[in-house]
Amino acid sequence: MADRSRVYGVTELAAEFDLTPQALRFYEEKGLLSPQRAAGRRVFTYRDRARLILILKFRRVGFSLDQIAEYLAHYRSGRPSACQYRDGLAKIRGRLSALERMQAEIADIMSDLKLMERDAERRLAACEAAAAE
């Protein structure tokens, strides 16, 4: 289990998650992270690190920064709430629905492309056969 009293510097936290320090600053500017100041430098707490994990997880599955900010707004108290989970569940279901629509569209496009490919192969073979005569 991670040490909850530990603090992380910008470079250290960025390196741990294969990010640039600018990415952390961007998340800070968007209000997703709120590092503390210590000796004139920004430091991130265990809680900031946990928030970053959530941010990156949500980004990976396609949530916008605005959607992430809405979700994290419920999380500010540090105590999970029914409202937070309802909001998260609605966002998850919406994203799943969008991905399922995209998946169906991709399947249709792939089917069309395979038909086009077979037709092109057939036409090419006919052209090559005619040229060989």
C-alpha atoms as a PDB file:
ATOM      1  CA  MET A   1       0.000   0.000   0.000  1.00  0.00           C
ATOM      2  CA  ALA A   2       1.278   3.459  -0.880  1.00  0.00           C
ATOM      3  CA  ASP A   3       2.391   5.909   1.788  1.00  0.00           C
ATOM      4  CA  ARG A   4      -0.452   8.421   2.175  1.00  0.00           C
ATOM      5  CA  SER A   5       1.850  11.076   3.643  1.00  0.00           C
ATOM      6  CA  ARG A   6       4.244  11.051   0.700  1.00  0.00           C
ATOM      7  CA  VAL A   7       4.393  14.003  -1.673  1.00  0.00           C
ATOM      8  CA  TYR A   8       5.486  13.944  -5.300  1.00  0.00           C
ATOM      9  CA  GLY A   9       7.264  16.579  -7.332  1.00  0.00           C
ATOM     10  CA  VAL A  10       6.004  17.506 -10.777  1.00  0.00           C
ATOM     11  CA  THR A  11       8.811  15.691 -12.591  1.00  0.00           C
ATOM     12  CA  GLU A  12       8.515  12.601 -10.414  1.00  0.00           C
ATOM     13  CA  LEU A  13       4.743  12.274 -10.823  1.00  0.00           C
ATOM     14  CA  ALA A  14       4.903  12.988 -14.546  1.00  0.00           C
ATOM     15  CA  ALA A  15       7.590  10.326 -15.033  1.00  0.00           C
ATOM     16  CA  GLU A  16       5.622   7.736 -13.038  1.00  0.00           C
ATOM     17  CA  PHE A  17       2.694   8.038 -15.457  1.00  0.00           C
ATOM     18  CA  ASP A  18       4.746   8.685 -18.606  1.00  0.00           C
ATOM     19  CA  LEU A  19       3.436  12.249 -18.872  1.00  0.00           C
ATOM     20  CA  THR A  20       5.155  15.555 -19.386  1.00  0.00           C
ATOM     21  CA  PRO A  21       5.213  18.182 -16.645  1.00  0.00           C
ATOM     22  CA  GLN A  22       3.175  20.304 -19.074  1.00  0.00           C
ATOM     23  CA  ALA A  23       0.411  17.673 -19.012  1.00  0.00           C
ATOM     24  CA  LEU A  24       0.209  17.977 -15.224  1.00  0.00           C
ATOM     25  CA  ARG A  25       0.106  21.774 -15.535  1.00  0.00           C
ATOM     26  CA  PHE A  26      -2.674  21.433 -18.117  1.00  0.00           C
ATOM     27  CA  TYR A  27      -4.740  19.262 -15.753  1.00  0.00           C
ATOM     28  CA  GLU A  28      -4.058  21.816 -13.036  1.00  0.00           C
ATOM     29  CA  GLU A  29      -5.213  24.686 -15.287  1.00  0.00           C
ATOM     30  CA  LYS A  30      -8.394  22.754 -16.046  1.00  0.00           C
ATOM     31  CA  GLY A  31      -9.046  22.402 -12.309  1.00  0.00           C
ATOM     32  CA  LEU A  32      -8.614  18.632 -12.283  1.00  0.00           C
ATOM     33  CA  LEU A  33      -5.566  18.705 -10.011  1.00  0.00           C
ATOM     34  CA  SER A  34      -4.742  21.107  -7.184  1.00  0.00           C
ATOM     35  CA  PRO A  35      -1.154  20.645  -6.053  1.00  0.00           C
ATOM     36  CA  GLN A  36       0.087  22.252  -2.881  1.00  0.00           C
ATOM     37  CA  ARG A  37       3.087  24.570  -2.634  1.00  0.00           C
ATOM     38  CA  ALA A  38       6.119  23.617  -0.594  1.00  0.00           C
ATOM     39  CA  ALA A  39       9.308  25.653  -0.606  1.00  0.00           C
ATOM     40  CA  GLY A  40       8.138  27.464  -3.727  1.00  0.00           C
ATOM     41  CA  ARG A  41       7.468  24.345  -5.784  1.00  0.00           C
ATOM     42  CA  ARG A  42       4.324  22.427  -6.611  1.00  0.00           C
ATOM     43  CA  VAL A  43       3.924  19.118  -4.844  1.00  0.00           C
ATOM     44  CA  PHE A  44       1.270  16.486  -5.271  1.00  0.00           C
ATOM     45  CA  THR A  45      -0.216  14.452  -2.454  1.00  0.00           C
ATOM     46  CA  TYR A  46      -1.393  10.856  -2.359  1.00  0.00           C
ATOM     47  CA  ARG A  47      -4.896  12.193  -3.079  1.00  0.00           C
ATOM     48  CA  ASP A  48      -3.644  14.140  -6.125  1.00  0.00           C
ATOM     49  CA  ARG A  49      -1.957  10.982  -7.379  1.00  0.00           C
ATOM     50  CA  ALA A  50      -5.210   9.020  -6.955  1.00  0.00           C
ATOM     51  CA  ARG A  51      -7.090  11.753  -8.855  1.00  0.00           C
ATOM     52  CA  LEU A  52      -4.509  11.577 -11.638  1.00  0.00           C
ATOM     53  CA  ILE A  53      -5.036   7.815 -11.904  1.00  0.00           C
ATOM     54  CA  LEU A  54      -8.783   8.440 -12.300  1.00  0.00           C
ATOM     55  CA  ILE A  55      -8.198  11.204 -14.858  1.00  0.00           C
ATOM     56  CA  LEU A  56      -5.952   8.991 -16.963  1.00  0.00           C
ATOM     57  CA  LYS A  57      -8.326   6.043 -16.717  1.00  0.00           C
ATOM     58  CA  PHE A  58     -11.251   8.196 -17.863  1.00  0.00           C
ATOM     59  CA  ARG A  59      -9.169   9.747 -20.663  1.00  0.00           C
ATOM     60  CA  ARG A  60      -8.107   6.304 -21.881  1.00  0.00           C
ATOM     61  CA  VAL A  61     -11.727   5.213 -22.311  1.00  0.00           C
ATOM     62  CA  GLY A  62     -12.646   8.418 -24.120  1.00  0.00           C
ATOM     63  CA  PHE A  63     -14.184  10.792 -21.600  1.00  0.00           C
ATOM     64  CA  SER A  64     -13.765  14.513 -22.231  1.00  0.00           C
ATOM     65  CA  LEU A  65     -12.021  16.747 -19.712  1.00  0.00           C
ATOM     66  CA  ASP A  66     -15.376  18.409 -18.987  1.00  0.00           C
ATOM     67  CA  GLN A  67     -16.969  15.039 -18.201  1.00  0.00           C
ATOM     68  CA  ILE A  68     -14.040  14.153 -15.955  1.00  0.00           C
ATOM     69  CA  ALA A  69     -14.301  17.511 -14.176  1.00  0.00           C
ATOM     70  CA  GLU A  70     -18.019  16.944 -13.565  1.00  0.00           C
ATOM     71  CA  TYR A  71     -17.313  13.535 -12.081  1.00  0.00           C
ATOM     72  CA  LEU A  72     -14.453  14.791  -9.928  1.00  0.00           C
ATOM     73  CA  ALA A  73     -16.601  17.677  -8.655  1.00  0.00           C
ATOM     74  CA  HIS A  74     -18.616  15.079  -6.742  1.00  0.00           C
ATOM     75  CA  TYR A  75     -15.388  13.614  -5.401  1.00  0.00           C
ATOM     76  CA  ARG A  76     -14.027  16.765  -3.741  1.00  0.00           C
ATOM     77  CA  SER A  77     -15.096  15.781  -0.256  1.00  0.00           C
ATOM     78  CA  GLY A  78     -13.020  12.630  -0.466  1.00  0.00           C
ATOM     79  CA  ARG A  79     -16.082  10.618   0.476  1.00  0.00           C
ATOM     80  CA  PRO A  80     -17.866   8.706  -2.256  1.00  0.00           C
ATOM     81  CA  SER A  81     -21.536   9.596  -2.583  1.00  0.00           C
ATOM     82  CA  ALA A  82     -24.565   8.143  -4.339  1.00  0.00           C
ATOM     83  CA  CYS A  83     -24.628  11.259  -6.540  1.00  0.00           C
ATOM     84  CA  GLN A  84     -21.045  10.606  -7.619  1.00  0.00           C
ATOM     85  CA  TYR A  85     -21.805   7.011  -8.521  1.00  0.00           C
ATOM     86  CA  ARG A  86     -25.041   7.901 -10.334  1.00  0.00           C
ATOM     87  CA  ASP A  87     -23.182  10.505 -12.381  1.00  0.00           C
ATOM     88  CA  GLY A  88     -20.327   8.096 -13.083  1.00  0.00           C
ATOM     89  CA  LEU A  89     -22.720   5.328 -14.053  1.00  0.00           C
ATOM     90  CA  ALA A  90     -24.610   7.644 -16.438  1.00  0.00           C
ATOM     91  CA  LYS A  91     -21.326   8.700 -18.049  1.00  0.00           C
ATOM     92  CA  ILE A  92     -20.136   5.097 -18.343  1.00  0.00           C
ATOM     93  CA  ARG A  93     -23.412   3.983 -19.917  1.00  0.00           C
ATOM     94  CA  GLY A  94     -23.355   6.908 -22.329  1.00  0.00           C
ATOM     95  CA  ARG A  95     -19.800   6.113 -23.376  1.00  0.00           C
ATOM     96  CA  LEU A  96     -20.603   2.412 -23.791  1.00  0.00           C
ATOM     97  CA  SER A  97     -23.590   3.304 -25.963  1.00  0.00           C
ATOM     98  CA  ALA A  98     -21.459   5.587 -28.140  1.00  0.00           C
ATOM     99  CA  LEU A  99     -18.773   2.924 -28.508  1.00  0.00           C
ATOM    100  CA  GLU A 100     -21.359   0.269 -29.388  1.00  0.00           C
ATOM    101  CA  ARG A 101     -22.726   2.564 -32.127  1.00  0.00           C
ATOM    102  CA  MET A 102     -19.203   3.123 -33.430  1.00  0.00           C
ATOM    103  CA  GLN A 103     -18.521  -0.609 -33.314  1.00  0.00           C
ATOM    104  CA  ALA A 104     -21.633  -1.302 -35.418  1.00  0.00           C
ATOM    105  CA  GLU A 105     -20.639   1.429 -37.876  1.00  0.00           C
ATOM    106  CA  ILE A 106     -17.122   0.024 -38.128  1.00  0.00           C
ATOM    107  CA  ALA A 107     -18.505  -3.481 -38.746  1.00  0.00           C
ATOM    108  CA  ASP A 108     -20.711  -2.122 -41.549  1.00  0.00           C
ATOM    109  CA  ILE A 109     -17.817  -0.202 -43.091  1.00  0.00           C
ATOM    110  CA  MET A 110     -15.541  -3.249 -42.896  1.00  0.00           C
ATOM    111  CA  SER A 111     -18.197  -5.368 -44.584  1.00  0.00           C
ATOM    112  CA  ASP A 112     -18.559  -2.798 -47.375  1.00  0.00           C
ATOM    113  CA  LEU A 113     -14.783  -2.593 -47.777  1.00  0.00           C
ATOM    114  CA  LYS A 114     -14.465  -6.379 -48.015  1.00  0.00           C
ATOM    115  CA  LEU A 115     -17.094  -6.422 -50.762  1.00  0.00           C
ATOM    116  CA  MET A 116     -15.239  -3.624 -52.560  1.00  0.00           C
ATOM    117  CA  GLU A 117     -11.965  -5.509 -52.123  1.00  0.00           C
ATOM    118  CA  ARG A 118     -13.389  -8.708 -53.629  1.00  0.00           C
ATOM    119  CA  ASP A 119     -14.871  -6.731 -56.525  1.00  0.00           C
ATOM    120  CA  ALA A 120     -11.544  -4.952 -57.139  1.00  0.00           C
ATOM    121  CA  GLU A 121      -9.657  -8.264 -57.036  1.00  0.00           C
ATOM    122  CA  ARG A 122     -12.137  -9.767 -59.523  1.00  0.00           C
ATOM    123  CA  ARG A 123     -11.821  -6.788 -61.876  1.00  0.00           C
ATOM    124  CA  LEU A 124      -8.015  -6.822 -61.589  1.00  0.00           C
ATOM    125  CA  ALA A 125      -7.902 -10.529 -62.416  1.00  0.00           C
ATOM    126  CA  ALA A 126     -10.135  -9.920 -65.444  1.00  0.00           C
ATOM    127  CA  CYS A 127      -7.882  -7.072 -66.640  1.00  0.00           C
ATOM    128  CA  GLU A 128      -4.740  -9.166 -66.188  1.00  0.00           C
ATOM    129  CA  ALA A 129      -6.320 -12.098 -68.020  1.00  0.00           C
ATOM    130  CA  ALA A 130      -7.359  -9.838 -70.909  1.00  0.00           C
ATOM    131  CA  ALA A 131      -3.871  -8.310 -71.074  1.00  0.00           C
ATOM    132  CA  ALA A 132      -2.273 -11.764 -71.187  1.00  0.00           C
ATOM    133  CA  GLU A 133      -4.288 -12.774 -74.245  1.00  0.00           C
END
